[in-house]
Amino acid sequence: MTLVAGVHESHGATFEERGGVRVAAEYGRPDRAARAVRNVVGTIEMGYGVLTVTGDDRVEFVDNAVSNRVPHEDGASCYALLCDPQGRIETDLHIYNAGERLLLFTPPERAAPVAEDWSEKTFIQDVEIEVATEAFGVFGVHGAKATEKIASVLNGASTPEEHLGFVRGTMGDDGVTVIRGDGLTGEEGYEVVCTADVAGSVFDTLINNGLNAAPFGYRTWDALTLEAGTPLFETELEGEIPNVLG
């Protein structure tokens, strides 16, 4: 679900539904936006589902459910798969250890089913799972000069050095978390996370302040990730067996 529809519209965006949520599809010239990312930098509002997992047993609980080890350290993260009993992929997800909670990004349609399923399996463990999709804005910043872009607007921290590492700082007066991505578009990439109430301000900062970033939508995202050979959940991962995928 877009939190900043008005900002998208002011830049000429059209919209479409993906995973049951409304996202920006394009801004009139998706091919031109793709060139902007390849040559300079662009920014996109990500239509993730978001889960928060709290409680003393949060790391152990999620670690037992997913394919990869969940980090115990604040500021660390991992990419993981959640599979059904037959070993088929139910969802992929990024897991961020944010101190007293884990923050999980999923495909938009998977957040609620995962939360419901996990909530039924907590038993005596001290774990609480909540859908928090509408509480956070997440913006991707991708391109040849993505690092320069982030550095030009991030205050109080340096850009994270490790892939999937993150730092906390501000952009203008707005608190943000900046995550270094794992190159899904084939270029340097970051994700900027903020609370929903400042999402419009943060998106405007990413587009207009410091080194300007061209807004782009999901049709450009599809083209960029296809060129980079990045498998996406909806088209290549859902229902597959990881060992078969390679």
C-alpha atoms as a PDB file:
ATOM      1  CA  MET A   1       0.000   0.000   0.000  1.00  0.00           C
ATOM      2  CA  THR A   2       1.431   3.367  -0.975  1.00  0.00           C
ATOM      3  CA  LEU A   3       1.725   5.857   1.860  1.00  0.00           C
ATOM      4  CA  VAL A   4       2.609   8.774  -0.417  1.00  0.00           C
ATOM      5  CA  ALA A   5       0.098   8.617  -3.275  1.00  0.00           C
ATOM      6  CA  GLY A   6      -0.034  12.400  -3.537  1.00  0.00           C
ATOM      7  CA  VAL A   7       3.721  12.661  -4.066  1.00  0.00           C
ATOM      8  CA  HIS A   8       3.587   9.963  -6.731  1.00  0.00           C
ATOM      9  CA  GLU A   9       0.723  11.743  -8.485  1.00  0.00           C
ATOM     10  CA  SER A  10       2.588  15.052  -8.468  1.00  0.00           C
ATOM     11  CA  HIS A  11       5.313  13.335 -10.497  1.00  0.00           C
ATOM     12  CA  GLY A  12       2.816  11.877 -12.988  1.00  0.00           C
ATOM     13  CA  ALA A  13       2.632   8.327 -11.635  1.00  0.00           C
ATOM     14  CA  THR A  14       0.136   5.701 -12.662  1.00  0.00           C
ATOM     15  CA  PHE A  15      -0.758   2.903 -10.250  1.00  0.00           C
ATOM     16  CA  GLU A  16      -1.438  -0.826 -10.247  1.00  0.00           C
ATOM     17  CA  GLU A  17      -2.094  -3.565  -7.713  1.00  0.00           C
ATOM     18  CA  ARG A  18       0.554  -6.072  -6.676  1.00  0.00           C
ATOM     19  CA  GLY A  19      -0.053  -8.642  -4.011  1.00  0.00           C
ATOM     20  CA  GLY A  20      -3.306  -6.895  -3.146  1.00  0.00           C
ATOM     21  CA  VAL A  21      -1.713  -3.485  -2.527  1.00  0.00           C
ATOM     22  CA  ARG A  22      -1.614  -0.313  -4.626  1.00  0.00           C
ATOM     23  CA  VAL A  23       1.856   0.644  -5.854  1.00  0.00           C
ATOM     24  CA  ALA A  24       3.323   3.134  -8.318  1.00  0.00           C
ATOM     25  CA  ALA A  25       3.634   1.414 -11.690  1.00  0.00           C
ATOM     26  CA  GLU A  26       5.453   4.044 -13.748  1.00  0.00           C
ATOM     27  CA  TYR A  27       5.947   7.757 -14.277  1.00  0.00           C
ATOM     28  CA  GLY A  28       5.362   7.840 -18.028  1.00  0.00           C
ATOM     29  CA  ARG A  29       8.784   6.719 -19.260  1.00  0.00           C
ATOM     30  CA  PRO A  30       9.858   3.483 -17.521  1.00  0.00           C
ATOM     31  CA  ASP A  31      12.745   3.011 -19.971  1.00  0.00           C
ATOM     32  CA  ARG A  32      14.070   6.474 -19.181  1.00  0.00           C
ATOM     33  CA  ALA A  33      13.776   5.788 -15.455  1.00  0.00           C
ATOM     34  CA  ALA A  34      15.766   2.574 -15.916  1.00  0.00           C
ATOM     35  CA  ARG A  35      18.562   4.519 -17.607  1.00  0.00           C
ATOM     36  CA  ALA A  36      18.546   6.991 -14.716  1.00  0.00           C
ATOM     37  CA  VAL A  37      19.137   4.135 -12.278  1.00  0.00           C
ATOM     38  CA  ARG A  38      21.881   2.590 -14.398  1.00  0.00           C
ATOM     39  CA  ASN A  39      23.676   5.908 -14.902  1.00  0.00           C
ATOM     40  CA  VAL A  40      22.909   7.899 -11.745  1.00  0.00           C
ATOM     41  CA  VAL A  41      20.296   6.980  -9.107  1.00  0.00           C
ATOM     42  CA  GLY A  42      16.568   6.446  -8.653  1.00  0.00           C
ATOM     43  CA  THR A  43      14.142   5.878  -5.795  1.00  0.00           C
ATOM     44  CA  ILE A  44      11.051   3.679  -5.466  1.00  0.00           C
ATOM     45  CA  GLU A  45       8.458   3.177  -2.744  1.00  0.00           C
ATOM     46  CA  MET A  46       8.570  -0.519  -1.870  1.00  0.00           C
ATOM     47  CA  GLY A  47       5.257  -2.308  -1.387  1.00  0.00           C
ATOM     48  CA  TYR A  48       6.382  -4.740   1.294  1.00  0.00           C
ATOM     49  CA  GLY A  49       4.366  -6.464   3.923  1.00  0.00           C
ATOM     50  CA  VAL A  50       5.925  -5.722   7.311  1.00  0.00           C
ATOM     51  CA  LEU A  51       5.896  -7.817  10.479  1.00  0.00           C
ATOM     52  CA  THR A  52       7.255  -6.997  13.915  1.00  0.00           C
ATOM     53  CA  VAL A  53       8.279  -9.793  16.273  1.00  0.00           C
ATOM     54  CA  THR A  54       8.841  -8.921  19.931  1.00  0.00           C
ATOM     55  CA  GLY A  55       9.372 -10.799  23.185  1.00  0.00           C
ATOM     56  CA  ASP A  56      12.344 -12.481  24.860  1.00  0.00           C
ATOM     57  CA  ASP A  57      12.158 -15.547  22.585  1.00  0.00           C
ATOM     58  CA  ARG A  58      11.777 -13.631  19.304  1.00  0.00           C
ATOM     59  CA  VAL A  59      15.130 -14.576  17.755  1.00  0.00           C
ATOM     60  CA  GLU A  60      14.905 -18.253  18.695  1.00  0.00           C
ATOM     61  CA  PHE A  61      11.313 -18.503  17.440  1.00  0.00           C
ATOM     62  CA  VAL A  62      11.966 -16.971  14.014  1.00  0.00           C
ATOM     63  CA  ASP A  63      15.303 -18.786  13.706  1.00  0.00           C
ATOM     64  CA  ASN A  64      13.506 -22.124  14.106  1.00  0.00           C
ATOM     65  CA  ALA A  65      10.990 -21.218  11.396  1.00  0.00           C
ATOM     66  CA  VAL A  66      13.174 -19.976   8.531  1.00  0.00           C
ATOM     67  CA  SER A  67      15.995 -21.295   6.384  1.00  0.00           C
ATOM     68  CA  ASN A  68      18.895 -19.102   7.567  1.00  0.00           C
ATOM     69  CA  ARG A  69      20.313 -18.127  10.932  1.00  0.00           C
ATOM     70  CA  VAL A  70      18.685 -15.038  12.415  1.00  0.00           C
ATOM     71  CA  PRO A  71      21.343 -12.657  13.783  1.00  0.00           C
ATOM     72  CA  HIS A  72      21.363 -11.896  17.504  1.00  0.00           C
ATOM     73  CA  GLU A  73      23.124  -8.534  17.132  1.00  0.00           C
ATOM     74  CA  ASP A  74      21.306  -5.219  16.838  1.00  0.00           C
ATOM     75  CA  GLY A  75      22.034  -3.764  13.399  1.00  0.00           C
ATOM     76  CA  ALA A  76      22.436  -7.120  11.639  1.00  0.00           C
ATOM     77  CA  SER A  77      20.082  -8.863   9.235  1.00  0.00           C
ATOM     78  CA  CYS A  78      19.641 -11.785   6.888  1.00  0.00           C
ATOM     79  CA  TYR A  79      17.668 -12.980   3.879  1.00  0.00           C
ATOM     80  CA  ALA A  80      15.730 -16.196   4.443  1.00  0.00           C
ATOM     81  CA  LEU A  81      13.031 -18.474   3.082  1.00  0.00           C
ATOM     82  CA  LEU A  82       9.985 -19.864   4.844  1.00  0.00           C
ATOM     83  CA  CYS A  83       9.042 -23.282   3.484  1.00  0.00           C
ATOM     84  CA  ASP A  84       6.048 -25.567   3.963  1.00  0.00           C
ATOM     85  CA  PRO A  85       6.383 -29.142   5.340  1.00  0.00           C
ATOM     86  CA  GLN A  86       7.039 -30.400   1.796  1.00  0.00           C
ATOM     87  CA  GLY A  87       9.965 -28.005   1.403  1.00  0.00           C
ATOM     88  CA  ARG A  88       8.238 -25.609  -1.001  1.00  0.00           C
ATOM     89  CA  ILE A  89       8.761 -21.882  -0.609  1.00  0.00           C
ATOM     90  CA  GLU A  90       5.857 -20.130   1.117  1.00  0.00           C
ATOM     91  CA  THR A  91       7.569 -16.757   1.195  1.00  0.00           C
ATOM     92  CA  ASP A  92      10.934 -15.071   1.122  1.00  0.00           C
ATOM     93  CA  LEU A  93      11.745 -12.407   3.680  1.00  0.00           C
ATOM     94  CA  HIS A  94      14.399 -10.057   4.968  1.00  0.00           C
ATOM     95  CA  ILE A  95      14.855 -10.140   8.734  1.00  0.00           C
ATOM     96  CA  TYR A  96      16.354  -7.176  10.601  1.00  0.00           C
ATOM     97  CA  ASN A  97      17.412  -7.286  14.237  1.00  0.00           C
ATOM     98  CA  ALA A  98      16.383  -3.860  15.523  1.00  0.00           C
ATOM     99  CA  GLY A  99      17.262  -4.360  19.171  1.00  0.00           C
ATOM    100  CA  GLU A 100      14.093  -5.095  21.122  1.00  0.00           C
ATOM    101  CA  ARG A 101      12.228  -6.300  18.044  1.00  0.00           C
ATOM    102  CA  LEU A 102      12.749  -8.057  14.756  1.00  0.00           C
ATOM    103  CA  LEU A 103      11.478  -6.295  11.653  1.00  0.00           C
ATOM    104  CA  LEU A 104      10.518  -8.592   8.772  1.00  0.00           C
ATOM    105  CA  PHE A 105       9.847  -7.544   5.167  1.00  0.00           C
ATOM    106  CA  THR A 106       7.740  -9.955   3.101  1.00  0.00           C
ATOM    107  CA  PRO A 107       5.820  -9.880  -0.177  1.00  0.00           C
ATOM    108  CA  PRO A 108       2.702  -7.813   0.617  1.00  0.00           C
ATOM    109  CA  GLU A 109       0.224 -10.664   0.433  1.00  0.00           C
ATOM    110  CA  ARG A 110       2.249 -12.893   2.770  1.00  0.00           C
ATOM    111  CA  ALA A 111       2.489 -10.736   5.906  1.00  0.00           C
ATOM    112  CA  ALA A 112      -0.959 -11.484   7.351  1.00  0.00           C
ATOM    113  CA  PRO A 113      -0.913 -15.267   6.683  1.00  0.00           C
ATOM    114  CA  VAL A 114       2.560 -15.612   8.212  1.00  0.00           C
ATOM    115  CA  ALA A 115       1.537 -13.604  11.286  1.00  0.00           C
ATOM    116  CA  GLU A 116      -1.587 -15.720  11.764  1.00  0.00           C
ATOM    117  CA  ASP A 117       0.273 -19.010  11.320  1.00  0.00           C
ATOM    118  CA  TRP A 118       3.122 -18.082  13.641  1.00  0.00           C
ATOM    119  CA  SER A 119       0.801 -16.686  16.312  1.00  0.00           C
ATOM    120  CA  GLU A 120      -0.817 -20.123  16.546  1.00  0.00           C
ATOM    121  CA  LYS A 121       2.587 -21.761  17.148  1.00  0.00           C
ATOM    122  CA  THR A 122       4.061 -19.646  19.936  1.00  0.00           C
ATOM    123  CA  PHE A 123       2.791 -21.942  22.733  1.00  0.00           C
ATOM    124  CA  ILE A 124       4.598 -20.934  25.958  1.00  0.00           C
ATOM    125  CA  GLN A 125       7.271 -18.878  24.210  1.00  0.00           C
ATOM    126  CA  ASP A 126       7.475 -15.150  24.908  1.00  0.00           C
ATOM    127  CA  VAL A 127       6.774 -13.995  21.354  1.00  0.00           C
ATOM    128  CA  GLU A 128       4.306 -11.549  19.831  1.00  0.00           C
ATOM    129  CA  ILE A 129       3.851 -11.187  16.073  1.00  0.00           C
ATOM    130  CA  GLU A 130       2.068  -8.192  14.576  1.00  0.00           C
ATOM    131  CA  VAL A 131       1.362  -6.976  11.049  1.00  0.00           C
ATOM    132  CA  ALA A 132       2.842  -3.475  10.817  1.00  0.00           C
ATOM    133  CA  THR A 133       2.627  -2.803   7.083  1.00  0.00           C
ATOM    134  CA  GLU A 134       0.829   0.514   7.524  1.00  0.00           C
ATOM    135  CA  ALA A 135       3.213   1.722  10.240  1.00  0.00           C
ATOM    136  CA  PHE A 136       6.349   2.011   8.098  1.00  0.00           C
ATOM    137  CA  GLY A 137       7.407   3.576   4.831  1.00  0.00           C
ATOM    138  CA  VAL A 138      10.170   1.814   2.903  1.00  0.00           C
ATOM    139  CA  PHE A 139      11.947   3.443  -0.035  1.00  0.00           C
ATOM    140  CA  GLY A 140      14.534   1.809  -2.259  1.00  0.00           C
ATOM    141  CA  VAL A 141      17.456   3.888  -3.520  1.00  0.00           C
ATOM    142  CA  HIS A 142      19.275   2.192  -6.384  1.00  0.00           C
ATOM    143  CA  GLY A 143      21.834   3.156  -8.967  1.00  0.00           C
ATOM    144  CA  ALA A 144      25.423   3.780  -9.885  1.00  0.00           C
ATOM    145  CA  LYS A 145      25.516   6.715  -7.460  1.00  0.00           C
ATOM    146  CA  ALA A 146      23.229   5.338  -4.747  1.00  0.00           C
ATOM    147  CA  THR A 147      25.938   5.611  -2.103  1.00  0.00           C
ATOM    148  CA  GLU A 148      26.585   9.248  -3.000  1.00  0.00           C
ATOM    149  CA  LYS A 149      22.850   9.908  -2.870  1.00  0.00           C
ATOM    150  CA  ILE A 150      22.439   8.475   0.615  1.00  0.00           C
ATOM    151  CA  ALA A 151      25.563  10.251   1.863  1.00  0.00           C
ATOM    152  CA  SER A 152      24.214  13.570   0.567  1.00  0.00           C
ATOM    153  CA  VAL A 153      21.084  13.464   2.757  1.00  0.00           C
ATOM    154  CA  LEU A 154      21.869  11.184   5.722  1.00  0.00           C
ATOM    155  CA  ASN A 155      22.825  12.916   8.968  1.00  0.00           C
ATOM    156  CA  GLY A 156      24.194  11.399  12.151  1.00  0.00           C
ATOM    157  CA  ALA A 157      25.636   8.270  10.539  1.00  0.00           C
ATOM    158  CA  SER A 158      27.740   7.068   7.625  1.00  0.00           C
ATOM    159  CA  THR A 159      26.312   4.798   4.943  1.00  0.00           C
ATOM    160  CA  PRO A 160      26.424   1.174   6.136  1.00  0.00           C
ATOM    161  CA  GLU A 161      29.427  -0.747   4.837  1.00  0.00           C
ATOM    162  CA  GLU A 162      28.201  -4.337   5.113  1.00  0.00           C
ATOM    163  CA  HIS A 163      25.545  -5.733   2.797  1.00  0.00           C
ATOM    164  CA  LEU A 164      22.269  -6.015   4.755  1.00  0.00           C
ATOM    165  CA  GLY A 165      23.803  -3.972   7.569  1.00  0.00           C
ATOM    166  CA  PHE A 166      21.937  -0.878   8.715  1.00  0.00           C
ATOM    167  CA  VAL A 167      22.425   2.400  10.555  1.00  0.00           C
ATOM    168  CA  ARG A 168      20.105   4.908  12.196  1.00  0.00           C
ATOM    169  CA  GLY A 169      20.187   8.625  11.466  1.00  0.00           C
ATOM    170  CA  THR A 170      18.089  11.496  10.167  1.00  0.00           C
ATOM    171  CA  MET A 171      17.115  13.011   6.845  1.00  0.00           C
ATOM    172  CA  GLY A 172      16.145  16.585   7.524  1.00  0.00           C
ATOM    173  CA  ASP A 173      14.155  16.392  10.757  1.00  0.00           C
ATOM    174  CA  ASP A 174      12.958  12.838  10.113  1.00  0.00           C
ATOM    175  CA  GLY A 175      14.347   9.753  11.809  1.00  0.00           C
ATOM    176  CA  VAL A 176      15.323   6.980   9.384  1.00  0.00           C
ATOM    177  CA  THR A 177      17.012   3.611   9.252  1.00  0.00           C
ATOM    178  CA  VAL A 178      19.207   3.030   6.204  1.00  0.00           C
ATOM    179  CA  ILE A 179      19.844  -0.552   5.095  1.00  0.00           C
ATOM    180  CA  ARG A 180      22.512  -1.464   2.584  1.00  0.00           C
ATOM    181  CA  GLY A 181      20.934  -3.835   0.083  1.00  0.00           C
ATOM    182  CA  ASP A 182      22.248  -6.886  -1.711  1.00  0.00           C
ATOM    183  CA  GLY A 183      22.318  -5.571  -5.270  1.00  0.00           C
ATOM    184  CA  LEU A 184      18.903  -6.699  -6.497  1.00  0.00           C
ATOM    185  CA  THR A 185      19.018  -4.331  -9.490  1.00  0.00           C
ATOM    186  CA  GLY A 186      22.644  -5.057 -10.326  1.00  0.00           C
ATOM    187  CA  GLU A 187      23.656  -1.665  -8.904  1.00  0.00           C
ATOM    188  CA  GLU A 188      24.418  -0.386  -5.432  1.00  0.00           C
ATOM    189  CA  GLY A 189      21.210  -0.207  -3.440  1.00  0.00           C
ATOM    190  CA  TYR A 190      19.819   0.910  -0.103  1.00  0.00           C
ATOM    191  CA  GLU A 191      16.459   0.897   1.622  1.00  0.00           C
ATOM    192  CA  VAL A 192      15.343   3.812   3.762  1.00  0.00           C
ATOM    193  CA  VAL A 193      12.823   2.948   6.486  1.00  0.00           C
ATOM    194  CA  CYS A 194      10.774   5.526   8.375  1.00  0.00           C
ATOM    195  CA  THR A 195       7.536   5.767  10.303  1.00  0.00           C
ATOM    196  CA  ALA A 196       4.417   6.293   8.224  1.00  0.00           C
ATOM    197  CA  ASP A 197       3.813   9.824   9.484  1.00  0.00           C
ATOM    198  CA  VAL A 198       7.026  11.151   7.886  1.00  0.00           C
ATOM    199  CA  ALA A 199       6.980   9.000   4.735  1.00  0.00           C
ATOM    200  CA  GLY A 200       5.985  11.884   2.458  1.00  0.00           C
ATOM    201  CA  SER A 201       8.753  14.101   3.783  1.00  0.00           C
ATOM    202  CA  VAL A 202      11.384  11.360   3.470  1.00  0.00           C
ATOM    203  CA  PHE A 203      10.346  10.508  -0.091  1.00  0.00           C
ATOM    204  CA  ASP A 204      10.523  14.182  -1.044  1.00  0.00           C
ATOM    205  CA  THR A 205      14.018  14.379   0.471  1.00  0.00           C
ATOM    206  CA  LEU A 206      15.155  11.381  -1.544  1.00  0.00           C
ATOM    207  CA  ILE A 207      13.858  12.862  -4.789  1.00  0.00           C
ATOM    208  CA  ASN A 208      14.803  16.510  -4.382  1.00  0.00           C
ATOM    209  CA  ASN A 209      17.499  17.041  -1.741  1.00  0.00           C
ATOM    210  CA  GLY A 210      21.220  16.427  -2.062  1.00  0.00           C
ATOM    211  CA  LEU A 211      21.932  14.454  -5.220  1.00  0.00           C
ATOM    212  CA  ASN A 212      18.555  14.247  -6.968  1.00  0.00           C
ATOM    213  CA  ALA A 213      17.066  10.775  -7.496  1.00  0.00           C
ATOM    214  CA  ALA A 214      14.560  10.004 -10.247  1.00  0.00           C
ATOM    215  CA  PRO A 215      11.362   8.349  -8.959  1.00  0.00           C
ATOM    216  CA  PHE A 216      10.639   5.007 -10.611  1.00  0.00           C
ATOM    217  CA  GLY A 217       7.890   2.427 -10.335  1.00  0.00           C
ATOM    218  CA  TYR A 218       7.457  -1.310 -10.340  1.00  0.00           C
ATOM    219  CA  ARG A 219       7.577  -1.745 -14.112  1.00  0.00           C
ATOM    220  CA  THR A 220      11.081  -0.302 -14.087  1.00  0.00           C
ATOM    221  CA  TRP A 221      11.873  -2.428 -11.021  1.00  0.00           C
ATOM    222  CA  ASP A 222      10.829  -5.540 -12.954  1.00  0.00           C
ATOM    223  CA  ALA A 223      13.083  -4.634 -15.885  1.00  0.00           C
ATOM    224  CA  LEU A 224      16.080  -3.850 -13.675  1.00  0.00           C
ATOM    225  CA  THR A 225      15.840  -7.021 -11.595  1.00  0.00           C
ATOM    226  CA  LEU A 226      15.307  -9.127 -14.724  1.00  0.00           C
ATOM    227  CA  GLU A 227      18.459  -7.679 -16.276  1.00  0.00           C
ATOM    228  CA  ALA A 228      20.327  -8.408 -13.038  1.00  0.00           C
ATOM    229  CA  GLY A 229      19.107 -12.024 -12.925  1.00  0.00           C
ATOM    230  CA  THR A 230      17.398 -11.530  -9.561  1.00  0.00           C
ATOM    231  CA  PRO A 231      14.622 -14.078  -8.884  1.00  0.00           C
ATOM    232  CA  LEU A 232      11.436 -12.488  -7.541  1.00  0.00           C
ATOM    233  CA  PHE A 233       8.993 -14.255  -5.231  1.00  0.00           C
ATOM    234  CA  GLU A 234       5.840 -13.857  -7.299  1.00  0.00           C
ATOM    235  CA  THR A 235       7.312 -15.032 -10.603  1.00  0.00           C
ATOM    236  CA  GLU A 236      10.126 -17.434  -9.758  1.00  0.00           C
ATOM    237  CA  LEU A 237      10.207 -18.503  -6.098  1.00  0.00           C
ATOM    238  CA  GLU A 238       6.674 -19.143  -4.852  1.00  0.00           C
ATOM    239  CA  GLY A 239       5.929 -22.852  -4.509  1.00  0.00           C
ATOM    240  CA  GLU A 240       9.375 -23.944  -5.666  1.00  0.00           C
ATOM    241  CA  ILE A 241      11.859 -26.162  -3.810  1.00  0.00           C
ATOM    242  CA  PRO A 242      15.096 -24.292  -3.037  1.00  0.00           C
ATOM    243  CA  ASN A 243      17.391 -27.183  -3.984  1.00  0.00           C
ATOM    244  CA  VAL A 244      15.724 -27.383  -7.387  1.00  0.00           C
ATOM    245  CA  LEU A 245      16.173 -23.652  -7.960  1.00  0.00           C
ATOM    246  CA  GLY A 246      19.913 -23.947  -7.247  1.00  0.00           C
END
